[in-house]
Protein backbone atom coordinates (compact mmCIF):
# COMPACT_ATOMS: atom_id res chain seq x y z
CA UNK A 1 164.88 232.21 172.88
CA UNK A 2 161.67 231.77 173.88
CA UNK A 3 162.25 233.36 177.33
CA UNK A 4 164.57 236.64 176.41
CA UNK A 5 160.65 236.77 173.80
CA UNK A 6 158.47 236.33 176.47
CA UNK A 7 159.50 240.05 178.29
CA UNK A 8 157.90 241.02 175.87
CA UNK A 9 154.23 240.35 176.36
CA UNK A 10 152.04 241.88 174.74
CA UNK A 11 154.37 244.74 173.41
CA UNK A 12 156.05 241.82 170.32
CA UNK A 13 152.13 242.73 167.84
CA UNK A 14 153.07 246.77 167.64
CA UNK A 15 156.89 246.47 166.92
CA UNK A 16 156.01 246.74 163.34
CA UNK A 17 154.06 250.14 163.50
CA UNK A 18 156.18 252.96 163.19
CA UNK A 19 156.08 255.85 165.46
CA UNK A 20 155.34 259.91 164.19
CA UNK A 21 158.86 261.38 164.31
CA UNK A 22 159.53 264.95 162.83
CA UNK A 23 162.40 266.31 161.75
CA UNK A 24 163.28 269.79 162.17
CA UNK A 25 166.35 271.43 159.21
CA UNK A 26 167.91 274.26 160.72
CA UNK A 27 170.08 275.17 157.71
CA UNK A 28 170.04 278.95 156.10
CA UNK A 29 167.77 279.24 153.17
CA UNK A 30 167.98 282.72 151.01
CA UNK A 31 164.16 284.06 152.08
CA UNK A 32 164.63 284.10 155.43
CA UNK A 33 167.40 283.73 157.34
CA UNK A 34 167.09 282.48 161.27
CA UNK A 35 163.50 280.23 160.11
CA UNK A 36 162.93 276.94 160.52
CA UNK A 37 161.26 274.18 158.43
CA UNK A 38 160.13 271.45 159.75
CA UNK A 39 159.65 268.04 157.54
CA UNK A 40 157.99 265.16 158.38
CA UNK A 41 159.67 261.53 158.43
CA UNK A 42 156.85 259.53 157.15
CA UNK A 43 153.57 260.94 156.02
CA UNK A 44 150.71 260.46 158.88
CA UNK A 45 148.25 257.96 158.55
CA UNK A 46 144.46 258.51 158.87
CA UNK A 47 142.55 257.43 161.05
CA UNK A 48 139.73 256.16 159.43
CA UNK A 49 137.08 252.59 160.37
CA UNK A 50 137.59 250.82 157.38
CA UNK A 51 141.57 250.83 157.02
CA UNK A 52 143.76 247.23 157.92
CA UNK A 53 143.26 245.88 161.73
CA UNK A 54 145.85 243.71 163.23
CA UNK A 55 145.14 240.05 163.76
CA UNK A 56 145.89 240.29 166.63
CA UNK A 57 142.95 242.60 167.59
CA UNK A 58 140.38 240.14 166.57
CA UNK A 59 142.14 236.87 167.80
CA UNK A 60 144.42 237.54 170.51
CA UNK A 61 145.45 233.99 170.49
CA UNK A 62 146.62 234.90 166.52
CA UNK A 63 148.90 231.62 165.64
CA UNK A 64 150.35 233.13 161.84
CA UNK A 65 147.96 230.19 159.70
CA UNK A 66 145.34 231.58 158.83
CA UNK A 67 142.58 234.66 160.17
CA UNK A 68 139.95 232.01 161.22
CA UNK A 69 140.65 231.81 164.41
CA UNK A 70 139.27 228.29 164.62
CA UNK A 71 141.35 227.12 161.56
CA UNK A 72 144.38 228.94 162.87
CA UNK A 73 144.39 227.15 165.70
CA UNK A 74 143.28 223.64 164.05
CA UNK A 75 146.38 224.97 161.15
CA UNK A 76 148.27 225.04 164.44
CA UNK A 77 147.45 221.89 165.41
CA UNK A 78 148.23 219.73 162.93
CA UNK A 79 151.68 221.40 161.79
CA UNK A 80 152.66 220.96 165.05
CA UNK A 81 151.70 216.92 165.13
CA UNK A 82 153.14 216.32 161.38
CA UNK A 83 156.43 218.64 162.77
CA UNK A 84 157.04 216.80 165.84
CA UNK A 85 155.54 213.25 165.65
CA UNK A 86 156.02 212.69 161.79
CA UNK A 87 158.56 213.79 161.07
CA UNK A 88 161.38 213.79 164.67
CA UNK A 89 159.67 210.32 165.49
CA UNK A 90 158.30 208.95 161.94
CA UNK A 91 162.40 209.47 160.51
CA UNK A 92 164.20 208.57 163.41
CA UNK A 93 163.09 205.28 163.05
CA UNK A 94 163.16 205.08 159.83
CA UNK A 95 167.53 206.72 159.84
CA UNK A 96 168.03 204.64 163.11
CA UNK A 97 166.72 200.89 161.40
CA UNK A 98 167.89 202.69 158.43
CA UNK A 99 170.52 199.71 156.31
CA UNK A 100 173.88 199.00 157.32
CA UNK A 101 176.03 202.35 155.56
CA UNK A 102 179.59 200.93 154.28
CA UNK A 103 179.05 197.62 155.76
CA UNK A 104 180.68 198.46 158.94
CA UNK A 105 178.90 195.67 160.51
CA UNK A 106 179.42 193.02 158.26
CA UNK A 107 182.97 193.63 157.91
CA UNK A 108 183.34 193.44 161.99
CA UNK A 109 181.13 189.86 161.79
CA UNK A 110 183.76 188.52 158.91
CA UNK A 111 187.06 189.47 160.68
CA UNK A 112 185.38 187.57 163.91
CA UNK A 113 184.53 184.68 162.34
CA UNK A 114 187.72 184.49 160.13
CA UNK A 115 189.42 184.54 163.63
CA UNK A 116 187.65 181.87 164.46
CA UNK A 117 188.64 179.44 161.74
CA UNK A 118 191.68 180.47 161.65
CA UNK A 119 192.99 179.85 165.68
CA UNK A 120 190.27 176.82 165.07
CA UNK A 121 193.33 175.67 163.10
CA UNK A 122 195.87 176.39 164.88
CA UNK A 123 196.52 178.89 161.80
CA UNK A 124 198.29 182.04 162.62
CA UNK A 125 196.17 185.05 162.40
CA UNK A 126 197.72 187.24 159.88
CA UNK A 127 200.94 185.82 157.69
CA UNK A 128 204.02 187.35 157.24
CA UNK A 129 202.72 187.18 153.49
CA UNK A 130 199.04 188.78 152.11
CA UNK A 131 200.40 186.54 149.11
CA UNK A 132 201.85 183.49 148.26
CA UNK A 133 205.39 184.61 147.07
CA UNK A 134 204.80 181.50 144.60
CA UNK A 135 202.58 182.69 143.14
CA UNK A 136 202.96 186.49 141.99
CA UNK A 137 205.55 187.06 139.06
CA UNK A 138 208.31 188.81 138.09
CA UNK A 139 209.71 190.15 135.56
CA UNK A 140 212.74 189.78 134.73
CA UNK A 141 216.38 192.51 134.95
CA UNK A 142 216.40 192.11 131.67
CA UNK A 143 212.44 193.28 131.21
CA UNK A 144 213.10 196.86 132.73
């Protein structure tokens, strides 16, 4: 994206200016059959000394933070420092050291511990019945 913008060079600030344009109407008028009317699309701006000057003309290194060049550069450096150092580096470190979401790591450790315990006791890793069938109380056939 920046490589595409770099080919514009210093022409980029002039994108906001509107070039003067005229439209010629050649429709037939009731009073003069062959005359054409010239109209201005945009009203002309008076070129005076007290008009608004672009920030890029005042400060070629304008970053968009302030009209004062020193304050503009300082705000740019602080903004990029906060954006890159604080948000990306410290934010990434914070997210990395968050506790185990969903307790997935704990469940894995607990499963490994149970497997080692069952292997030491000589029991199968998974029993045929999850619940002890002698402890399950079933309703009688007449209760249904």
